[in-house]
C-alpha atoms as a PDB file:
ATOM      1  CA  UNK A   1     -60.336  13.961 -62.201  1.00  0.00           C
ATOM      2  CA  UNK A   2     -64.014  13.202 -61.612  1.00  0.00           C
ATOM      3  CA  UNK A   3     -65.743  11.953 -64.771  1.00  0.00           C
ATOM      4  CA  UNK A   4     -68.537  13.932 -66.415  1.00  0.00           C
ATOM      5  CA  UNK A   5     -71.289  11.447 -65.569  1.00  0.00           C
ATOM      6  CA  UNK A   6     -70.397  11.592 -61.875  1.00  0.00           C
ATOM      7  CA  UNK A   7     -70.394  15.382 -61.988  1.00  0.00           C
ATOM      8  CA  UNK A   8     -73.814  15.377 -63.651  1.00  0.00           C
ATOM      9  CA  UNK A   9     -75.212  13.155 -60.901  1.00  0.00           C
ATOM     10  CA  UNK A  10     -73.665  15.425 -58.267  1.00  0.00           C
ATOM     11  CA  UNK A  11     -75.071  18.607 -59.838  1.00  0.00           C
ATOM     12  CA  UNK A  12     -78.535  17.065 -60.128  1.00  0.00           C
ATOM     13  CA  UNK A  13     -78.436  16.005 -56.477  1.00  0.00           C
ATOM     14  CA  UNK A  14     -77.217  19.473 -55.471  1.00  0.00           C
ATOM     15  CA  UNK A  15     -80.131  21.172 -57.237  1.00  0.00           C
ATOM     16  CA  UNK A  16     -82.649  18.824 -55.617  1.00  0.00           C
ATOM     17  CA  UNK A  17     -81.095  19.360 -52.185  1.00  0.00           C
ATOM     18  CA  UNK A  18     -81.162  23.139 -52.665  1.00  0.00           C
ATOM     19  CA  UNK A  19     -84.840  22.957 -53.614  1.00  0.00           C
ATOM     20  CA  UNK A  20     -85.810  20.835 -50.620  1.00  0.00           C
ATOM     21  CA  UNK A  21     -87.202  22.864 -47.685  1.00  0.00           C
ATOM     22  CA  UNK A  22     -84.403  23.784 -45.303  1.00  0.00           C
ATOM     23  CA  UNK A  23     -83.106  26.644 -43.149  1.00  0.00           C
ATOM     24  CA  UNK A  24     -81.271  28.431 -45.947  1.00  0.00           C
ATOM     25  CA  UNK A  25     -84.002  28.568 -48.579  1.00  0.00           C
ATOM     26  CA  UNK A  26     -86.647  29.381 -45.943  1.00  0.00           C
ATOM     27  CA  UNK A  27     -84.387  32.202 -44.772  1.00  0.00           C
ATOM     28  CA  UNK A  28     -84.040  33.526 -48.332  1.00  0.00           C
ATOM     29  CA  UNK A  29     -87.785  33.222 -48.908  1.00  0.00           C
ATOM     30  CA  UNK A  30     -88.648  35.149 -45.735  1.00  0.00           C
ATOM     31  CA  UNK A  31     -86.175  37.956 -46.475  1.00  0.00           C
ATOM     32  CA  UNK A  32     -87.319  38.269 -50.106  1.00  0.00           C
ATOM     33  CA  UNK A  33     -91.017  38.317 -49.261  1.00  0.00           C
ATOM     34  CA  UNK A  34     -90.498  40.969 -46.602  1.00  0.00           C
ATOM     35  CA  UNK A  35     -87.835  43.216 -48.158  1.00  0.00           C
ATOM     36  CA  UNK A  36     -87.834  42.377 -51.884  1.00  0.00           C
ATOM     37  CA  UNK A  37     -85.876  40.115 -54.196  1.00  0.00           C
ATOM     38  CA  UNK A  38     -82.692  42.209 -53.998  1.00  0.00           C
ATOM     39  CA  UNK A  39     -82.459  41.552 -50.260  1.00  0.00           C
ATOM     40  CA  UNK A  40     -82.932  37.841 -50.913  1.00  0.00           C
ATOM     41  CA  UNK A  41     -80.147  37.844 -53.497  1.00  0.00           C
ATOM     42  CA  UNK A  42     -77.755  39.619 -51.110  1.00  0.00           C
ATOM     43  CA  UNK A  43     -78.541  37.065 -48.394  1.00  0.00           C
ATOM     44  CA  UNK A  44     -78.006  34.323 -50.993  1.00  0.00           C
ATOM     45  CA  UNK A  45     -74.522  35.632 -51.792  1.00  0.00           C
ATOM     46  CA  UNK A  46     -73.746  35.554 -48.085  1.00  0.00           C
ATOM     47  CA  UNK A  47     -75.042  31.994 -47.696  1.00  0.00           C
ATOM     48  CA  UNK A  48     -72.973  30.818 -50.665  1.00  0.00           C
ATOM     49  CA  UNK A  49     -69.898  32.536 -49.242  1.00  0.00           C
ATOM     50  CA  UNK A  50     -70.494  30.496 -46.110  1.00  0.00           C
ATOM     51  CA  UNK A  51     -70.591  27.354 -48.262  1.00  0.00           C
ATOM     52  CA  UNK A  52     -67.145  28.298 -49.542  1.00  0.00           C
ATOM     53  CA  UNK A  53     -65.795  28.144 -45.991  1.00  0.00           C
ATOM     54  CA  UNK A  54     -67.554  24.826 -45.385  1.00  0.00           C
ATOM     55  CA  UNK A  55     -65.969  23.449 -48.562  1.00  0.00           C
ATOM     56  CA  UNK A  56     -62.520  24.543 -47.408  1.00  0.00           C
ATOM     57  CA  UNK A  57     -63.290  23.003 -44.029  1.00  0.00           C
ATOM     58  CA  UNK A  58     -63.998  19.616 -45.608  1.00  0.00           C
ATOM     59  CA  UNK A  59     -60.977  19.805 -47.902  1.00  0.00           C
ATOM     60  CA  UNK A  60     -58.641  20.754 -45.050  1.00  0.00           C
ATOM     61  CA  UNK A  61     -60.161  18.363 -42.513  1.00  0.00           C
ATOM     62  CA  UNK A  62     -61.656  21.060 -40.272  1.00  0.00           C
ATOM     63  CA  UNK A  63     -65.183  19.700 -40.633  1.00  0.00           C
ATOM     64  CA  UNK A  64     -63.994  16.452 -39.084  1.00  0.00           C
ATOM     65  CA  UNK A  65     -63.115  18.428 -35.958  1.00  0.00           C
ATOM     66  CA  UNK A  66     -66.710  19.604 -35.681  1.00  0.00           C
ATOM     67  CA  UNK A  67     -67.912  16.030 -35.999  1.00  0.00           C
ATOM     68  CA  UNK A  68     -65.444  14.791 -33.422  1.00  0.00           C
ATOM     69  CA  UNK A  69     -65.810  17.569 -30.848  1.00  0.00           C
ATOM     70  CA  UNK A  70     -69.071  17.823 -28.932  1.00  0.00           C
ATOM     71  CA  UNK A  71     -67.921  21.125 -27.418  1.00  0.00           C
ATOM     72  CA  UNK A  72     -67.182  22.737 -30.778  1.00  0.00           C
ATOM     73  CA  UNK A  73     -70.441  21.470 -32.245  1.00  0.00           C
ATOM     74  CA  UNK A  74     -72.404  22.811 -29.265  1.00  0.00           C
ATOM     75  CA  UNK A  75     -70.695  26.212 -29.366  1.00  0.00           C
ATOM     76  CA  UNK A  76     -71.453  26.632 -33.056  1.00  0.00           C
ATOM     77  CA  UNK A  77     -75.017  25.474 -32.555  1.00  0.00           C
ATOM     78  CA  UNK A  78     -75.640  27.926 -29.724  1.00  0.00           C
ATOM     79  CA  UNK A  79     -74.122  30.749 -31.761  1.00  0.00           C
ATOM     80  CA  UNK A  80     -76.582  29.940 -34.551  1.00  0.00           C
ATOM     81  CA  UNK A  81     -79.538  29.691 -32.170  1.00  0.00           C
ATOM     82  CA  UNK A  82     -78.762  33.031 -30.521  1.00  0.00           C
ATOM     83  CA  UNK A  83     -78.272  34.727 -33.872  1.00  0.00           C
ATOM     84  CA  UNK A  84     -81.609  33.446 -35.171  1.00  0.00           C
ATOM     85  CA  UNK A  85     -83.332  34.607 -31.981  1.00  0.00           C
ATOM     86  CA  UNK A  86     -81.744  38.019 -32.494  1.00  0.00           C
ATOM     87  CA  UNK A  87     -83.114  38.128 -36.054  1.00  0.00           C
ATOM     88  CA  UNK A  88     -86.559  37.149 -34.773  1.00  0.00           C
ATOM     89  CA  UNK A  89     -86.404  39.934 -32.188  1.00  0.00           C
ATOM     90  CA  UNK A  90     -85.238  42.436 -34.819  1.00  0.00           C
ATOM     91  CA  UNK A  91     -88.141  41.470 -37.092  1.00  0.00           C
ATOM     92  CA  UNK A  92     -90.626  42.004 -34.260  1.00  0.00           C
ATOM     93  CA  UNK A  93     -89.073  45.391 -33.494  1.00  0.00           C
ATOM     94  CA  UNK A  94     -89.861  46.405 -37.081  1.00  0.00           C
ATOM     95  CA  UNK A  95     -93.524  46.522 -36.025  1.00  0.00           C
ATOM     96  CA  UNK A  96     -94.534  49.469 -33.876  1.00  0.00           C
ATOM     97  CA  UNK A  97     -96.770  49.399 -30.855  1.00  0.00           C
ATOM     98  CA  UNK A  98     -99.696  50.456 -33.022  1.00  0.00           C
ATOM     99  CA  UNK A  99     -99.029  47.481 -35.307  1.00  0.00           C
ATOM    100  CA  UNK A 100     -97.610  49.544 -38.170  1.00  0.00           C
ATOM    101  CA  UNK A 101     -94.386  48.477 -39.821  1.00  0.00           C
ATOM    102  CA  UNK A 102     -91.441  50.843 -39.460  1.00  0.00           C
ATOM    103  CA  UNK A 103     -90.248  51.783 -42.955  1.00  0.00           C
ATOM    104  CA  UNK A 104     -86.826  52.717 -41.592  1.00  0.00           C
ATOM    105  CA  UNK A 105     -86.294  49.171 -40.389  1.00  0.00           C
ATOM    106  CA  UNK A 106     -87.707  47.555 -43.523  1.00  0.00           C
ATOM    107  CA  UNK A 107     -84.446  47.205 -45.421  1.00  0.00           C
ATOM    108  CA  UNK A 108     -81.030  46.539 -43.958  1.00  0.00           C
ATOM    109  CA  UNK A 109     -77.907  47.925 -45.694  1.00  0.00           C
ATOM    110  CA  UNK A 110     -76.564  45.619 -48.449  1.00  0.00           C
ATOM    111  CA  UNK A 111     -73.430  44.581 -46.566  1.00  0.00           C
ATOM    112  CA  UNK A 112     -75.463  43.756 -43.463  1.00  0.00           C
ATOM    113  CA  UNK A 113     -77.716  41.467 -45.516  1.00  0.00           C
ATOM    114  CA  UNK A 114     -74.666  39.813 -47.080  1.00  0.00           C
ATOM    115  CA  UNK A 115     -73.067  39.393 -43.654  1.00  0.00           C
ATOM    116  CA  UNK A 116     -76.332  38.023 -42.275  1.00  0.00           C
ATOM    117  CA  UNK A 117     -76.213  35.220 -44.845  1.00  0.00           C
ATOM    118  CA  UNK A 118     -72.604  34.370 -43.972  1.00  0.00           C
ATOM    119  CA  UNK A 119     -73.264  34.258 -40.226  1.00  0.00           C
ATOM    120  CA  UNK A 120     -76.453  32.257 -40.738  1.00  0.00           C
ATOM    121  CA  UNK A 121     -74.568  29.629 -42.722  1.00  0.00           C
ATOM    122  CA  UNK A 122     -71.357  29.427 -40.709  1.00  0.00           C
ATOM    123  CA  UNK A 123     -73.134  29.221 -37.359  1.00  0.00           C
ATOM    124  CA  UNK A 124     -74.987  26.067 -38.410  1.00  0.00           C
ATOM    125  CA  UNK A 125     -72.721  23.072 -37.668  1.00  0.00           C
ATOM    126  CA  UNK A 126     -75.139  20.782 -39.503  1.00  0.00           C
ATOM    127  CA  UNK A 127     -73.965  22.314 -42.783  1.00  0.00           C
ATOM    128  CA  UNK A 128     -70.363  21.316 -42.019  1.00  0.00           C
ATOM    129  CA  UNK A 129     -71.450  17.795 -41.165  1.00  0.00           C
ATOM    130  CA  UNK A 130     -73.604  17.599 -44.286  1.00  0.00           C
ATOM    131  CA  UNK A 131     -70.704  18.642 -46.511  1.00  0.00           C
ATOM    132  CA  UNK A 132     -68.440  16.194 -44.688  1.00  0.00           C
ATOM    133  CA  UNK A 133     -70.873  13.369 -45.466  1.00  0.00           C
ATOM    134  CA  UNK A 134     -71.935  14.472 -48.959  1.00  0.00           C
ATOM    135  CA  UNK A 135     -68.897  15.718 -50.873  1.00  0.00           C
ATOM    136  CA  UNK A 136     -66.541  12.747 -50.298  1.00  0.00           C
ATOM    137  CA  UNK A 137     -69.132  10.382 -51.787  1.00  0.00           C
ATOM    138  CA  UNK A 138     -68.366  11.849 -55.219  1.00  0.00           C
ATOM    139  CA  UNK A 139     -64.582  12.136 -54.829  1.00  0.00           C
ATOM    140  CA  UNK A 140     -62.400   9.246 -55.976  1.00  0.00           C
ATOM    141  CA  UNK A 141     -58.779   8.918 -54.769  1.00  0.00           C
ATOM    142  CA  UNK A 142     -58.083   6.822 -57.874  1.00  0.00           C
ATOM    143  CA  UNK A 143     -58.879   9.873 -60.037  1.00  0.00           C
ATOM    144  CA  UNK A 144     -56.225  12.104 -58.482  1.00  0.00           C
ATOM    145  CA  UNK A 145     -55.663  14.240 -55.349  1.00  0.00           C
ATOM    146  CA  UNK A 146     -58.759  14.565 -53.186  1.00  0.00           C
ATOM    147  CA  UNK A 147     -58.440  18.228 -52.249  1.00  0.00           C
ATOM    148  CA  UNK A 148     -58.951  19.599 -55.814  1.00  0.00           C
ATOM    149  CA  UNK A 149     -61.874  17.218 -56.280  1.00  0.00           C
ATOM    150  CA  UNK A 150     -63.533  18.339 -53.048  1.00  0.00           C
ATOM    151  CA  UNK A 151     -63.024  21.987 -53.945  1.00  0.00           C
ATOM    152  CA  UNK A 152     -64.563  21.424 -57.376  1.00  0.00           C
ATOM    153  CA  UNK A 153     -67.553  19.659 -55.850  1.00  0.00           C
ATOM    154  CA  UNK A 154     -67.993  22.425 -53.307  1.00  0.00           C
ATOM    155  CA  UNK A 155     -67.958  25.114 -55.995  1.00  0.00           C
ATOM    156  CA  UNK A 156     -70.489  23.177 -58.075  1.00  0.00           C
ATOM    157  CA  UNK A 157     -72.781  22.844 -55.051  1.00  0.00           C
ATOM    158  CA  UNK A 158     -72.446  26.592 -54.429  1.00  0.00           C
ATOM    159  CA  UNK A 159     -73.341  27.302 -58.066  1.00  0.00           C
ATOM    160  CA  UNK A 160     -76.440  25.091 -57.815  1.00  0.00           C
ATOM    161  CA  UNK A 161     -77.495  26.706 -54.538  1.00  0.00           C
ATOM    162  CA  UNK A 162     -76.867  30.173 -55.964  1.00  0.00           C
ATOM    163  CA  UNK A 163     -79.120  29.564 -58.981  1.00  0.00           C
ATOM    164  CA  UNK A 164     -81.896  27.954 -56.924  1.00  0.00           C
ATOM    165  CA  UNK A 165     -81.840  30.590 -54.180  1.00  0.00           C
ATOM    166  CA  UNK A 166     -81.845  33.475 -56.670  1.00  0.00           C
ATOM    167  CA  UNK A 167     -84.894  31.892 -58.305  1.00  0.00           C
ATOM    168  CA  UNK A 168     -86.540  31.625 -54.876  1.00  0.00           C
ATOM    169  CA  UNK A 169     -85.660  35.284 -54.230  1.00  0.00           C
ATOM    170  CA  UNK A 170     -87.292  36.398 -57.472  1.00  0.00           C
ATOM    171  CA  UNK A 171     -90.461  34.374 -56.898  1.00  0.00           C
ATOM    172  CA  UNK A 172     -90.837  35.306 -53.224  1.00  0.00           C
ATOM    173  CA  UNK A 173     -89.940  38.939 -53.890  1.00  0.00           C
ATOM    174  CA  UNK A 174     -92.530  39.191 -56.659  1.00  0.00           C
ATOM    175  CA  UNK A 175     -95.171  37.479 -54.517  1.00  0.00           C
ATOM    176  CA  UNK A 176     -94.369  39.748 -51.588  1.00  0.00           C
ATOM    177  CA  UNK A 177     -94.417  43.000 -53.600  1.00  0.00           C
ATOM    178  CA  UNK A 178     -98.202  43.198 -53.503  1.00  0.00           C
ATOM    179  CA  UNK A 179     -98.243  42.315 -49.831  1.00  0.00           C
ATOM    180  CA  UNK A 180     -95.757  45.063 -49.006  1.00  0.00           C
ATOM    181  CA  UNK A 181     -98.123  47.620 -50.527  1.00  0.00           C
ATOM    182  CA  UNK A 182    -100.953  46.430 -48.296  1.00  0.00           C
ATOM    183  CA  UNK A 183    -101.209  47.985 -44.838  1.00  0.00           C
ATOM    184  CA  UNK A 184    -102.440  44.834 -43.042  1.00  0.00           C
ATOM    185  CA  UNK A 185     -99.906  42.657 -44.841  1.00  0.00           C
ATOM    186  CA  UNK A 186     -97.060  45.008 -43.928  1.00  0.00           C
ATOM    187  CA  UNK A 187     -97.992  44.525 -40.299  1.00  0.00           C
ATOM    188  CA  UNK A 188     -98.106  40.756 -40.694  1.00  0.00           C
ATOM    189  CA  UNK A 189     -94.896  40.208 -42.735  1.00  0.00           C
ATOM    190  CA  UNK A 190     -92.453  41.136 -39.920  1.00  0.00           C
ATOM    191  CA  UNK A 191     -94.276  38.773 -37.580  1.00  0.00           C
ATOM    192  CA  UNK A 192     -94.157  35.984 -40.150  1.00  0.00           C
ATOM    193  CA  UNK A 193     -90.431  36.596 -40.602  1.00  0.00           C
ATOM    194  CA  UNK A 194     -89.964  36.470 -36.834  1.00  0.00           C
ATOM    195  CA  UNK A 195     -91.890  33.182 -36.769  1.00  0.00           C
ATOM    196  CA  UNK A 196     -89.637  31.722 -39.479  1.00  0.00           C
ATOM    197  CA  UNK A 197     -86.489  32.761 -37.599  1.00  0.00           C
ATOM    198  CA  UNK A 198     -87.896  31.393 -34.346  1.00  0.00           C
ATOM    199  CA  UNK A 199     -88.760  28.081 -36.016  1.00  0.00           C
ATOM    200  CA  UNK A 200     -85.249  27.814 -37.469  1.00  0.00           C
ATOM    201  CA  UNK A 201     -83.767  28.543 -34.041  1.00  0.00           C
ATOM    202  CA  UNK A 202     -85.857  25.775 -32.444  1.00  0.00           C
ATOM    203  CA  UNK A 203     -84.878  23.362 -35.207  1.00  0.00           C
ATOM    204  CA  UNK A 204     -81.200  24.127 -34.759  1.00  0.00           C
ATOM    205  CA  UNK A 205     -81.505  23.903 -30.965  1.00  0.00           C
ATOM    206  CA  UNK A 206     -82.641  20.282 -31.235  1.00  0.00           C
ATOM    207  CA  UNK A 207     -80.033  19.374 -33.853  1.00  0.00           C
ATOM    208  CA  UNK A 208     -77.651  16.593 -32.879  1.00  0.00           C
ATOM    209  CA  UNK A 209     -74.349  15.469 -34.326  1.00  0.00           C
END
């Protein structure tokens, strides 16, 4: 099994990677600032569920298929781009023609937020490729079967991401609470969310294997 020192290095790297600006934590930040920390936490659970599938993909060799198939990579990428554009459009629709935010559209049902996090994560092929490159660096075939090691590493990364993203949700949700009570800010927040989603879509569009 992987030794404790190696696991400590892995967990430290996972926390730092989760803190670094990226699509997932920007997504959580935008949702929390606009809808509150609970929405951010639900999205976080969805994102971490997606990481579970990516971990299984690495352990079972499915991630290697994404790396080796340009078609599969492109299909996943386009699915992610279209979904992000849909989220951007939905955020803009939350602002009426008079510029006022629609309260009815302000908060999605819990399961929809959870599902949004899963789709956001699974439709980004770069996450699969990242896991494929990152996890095996800390697995050692001399320490036993690789599959249990990769699963352990994946779960530890999910735990680190979960803690970091929940913290981001709390901070962004608290910062956004005052803004949500302000009329001008409530008109601006949906547009800022749409801008974040649009930026993530452009970033994913230009992603390469």
